[in-house]
Amino acid sequence: MCEHVDMPATEETVTALRKAVRAKTAAEKRAEDARAALSIAMTDAIHAGVKQSEVVAITGLTREHVRRLVRDVEEQRAKAAAES
């Protein structure tokens, strides 16, 4: 536990905390966007003829993880096609 619990928070400290929270939120959003882009790239690669084993080797993901991510993209694409 912090030994300075009785010290009031300064405006500078609160500002730094808020800045850190914004940075964390932005990093999480970038990571989420990167995961989505990777899923799409893997799906496109597999549909273009790249073997799943090669996708696994390149990404470092397990076969099951690759299958699940590709299946999710395919389901999203099918749903979008059905809605149009």
Protein backbone atom coordinates (compact mmCIF):
# COMPACT_ATOMS: atom_id res chain seq x y z
CA MET A 1 0.00 0.00 0.00
CA CYS A 2 1.12 3.56 -0.63
CA GLU A 3 2.74 5.19 2.38
CA HIS A 4 1.48 8.66 1.41
CA VAL A 5 -2.25 7.91 1.55
CA ASP A 6 -2.96 11.00 3.65
CA MET A 7 -1.41 13.35 1.08
CA PRO A 8 -3.97 15.14 -1.09
CA ALA A 9 -3.77 14.49 -4.83
CA THR A 10 -2.24 17.37 -6.68
CA GLU A 11 -3.62 18.67 -9.92
CA GLU A 12 -0.40 17.53 -11.61
CA THR A 13 -0.83 13.99 -10.30
CA VAL A 14 -4.45 13.78 -11.38
CA THR A 15 -3.52 15.17 -14.81
CA ALA A 16 -0.77 12.54 -15.16
CA LEU A 17 -3.20 9.79 -14.16
CA ARG A 18 -5.78 10.94 -16.71
CA LYS A 19 -3.08 11.12 -19.39
CA ALA A 20 -1.97 7.57 -18.59
CA VAL A 21 -5.56 6.31 -18.80
CA ARG A 22 -6.01 7.98 -22.21
CA ALA A 23 -2.73 6.47 -23.44
CA LYS A 24 -3.76 3.00 -22.26
CA THR A 25 -7.17 3.31 -23.90
CA ALA A 26 -5.57 4.45 -27.17
CA ALA A 27 -3.06 1.57 -27.07
CA GLU A 28 -5.86 -0.94 -26.50
CA LYS A 29 -7.76 0.49 -29.49
CA ARG A 30 -4.63 0.26 -31.69
CA ALA A 31 -4.10 -3.34 -30.58
CA GLU A 32 -7.73 -4.20 -31.33
CA ASP A 33 -7.44 -2.60 -34.79
CA ALA A 34 -4.19 -4.48 -35.45
CA ARG A 35 -5.77 -7.81 -34.46
CA ALA A 36 -8.68 -7.15 -36.81
CA ALA A 37 -6.31 -6.27 -39.65
CA LEU A 38 -4.28 -9.42 -38.99
CA SER A 39 -7.43 -11.55 -39.07
CA ILE A 40 -8.43 -10.07 -42.42
CA ALA A 41 -4.92 -10.49 -43.85
CA MET A 42 -4.81 -14.13 -42.72
CA THR A 43 -8.23 -14.80 -44.23
CA ASP A 44 -7.25 -13.19 -47.52
CA ALA A 45 -3.96 -15.11 -47.59
CA ILE A 46 -5.67 -18.45 -46.99
CA HIS A 47 -8.28 -17.68 -49.66
CA ALA A 48 -5.44 -16.78 -52.05
CA GLY A 49 -3.90 -20.21 -51.53
CA VAL A 50 -1.42 -19.74 -48.69
CA LYS A 51 -1.36 -22.90 -46.61
CA GLN A 52 -2.64 -22.67 -43.07
CA SER A 53 0.65 -24.13 -41.83
CA GLU A 54 2.50 -21.22 -43.45
CA VAL A 55 0.14 -18.71 -41.83
CA VAL A 56 0.80 -20.43 -38.49
CA ALA A 57 4.56 -20.24 -39.05
CA ILE A 58 4.43 -16.56 -40.02
CA THR A 59 2.10 -15.41 -37.26
CA GLY A 60 3.18 -17.66 -34.43
CA LEU A 61 -0.48 -18.43 -33.68
CA THR A 62 -1.82 -21.93 -33.19
CA ARG A 63 -3.74 -23.66 -35.96
CA GLU A 64 -6.91 -23.47 -33.88
CA HIS A 65 -6.47 -19.74 -33.28
CA VAL A 66 -5.95 -19.14 -36.99
CA ARG A 67 -9.04 -21.22 -37.82
CA ARG A 68 -11.15 -19.32 -35.29
CA LEU A 69 -10.03 -15.89 -36.48
CA VAL A 70 -10.55 -16.80 -40.14
CA ARG A 71 -13.97 -18.27 -39.36
CA ASP A 72 -14.94 -15.03 -37.58
CA VAL A 73 -13.94 -12.93 -40.61
CA GLU A 74 -15.79 -15.26 -42.97
CA GLU A 75 -18.92 -15.06 -40.81
CA GLN A 76 -18.73 -11.26 -40.70
CA ARG A 77 -18.32 -11.13 -44.48
CA ALA A 78 -21.25 -13.50 -45.02
CA LYS A 79 -23.44 -11.44 -42.70
CA ALA A 80 -22.48 -8.21 -44.48
CA ALA A 81 -23.20 -9.81 -47.87
CA ALA A 82 -26.60 -11.03 -46.67
CA GLU A 83 -27.50 -7.55 -45.42
CA SER A 84 -26.69 -5.87 -48.73
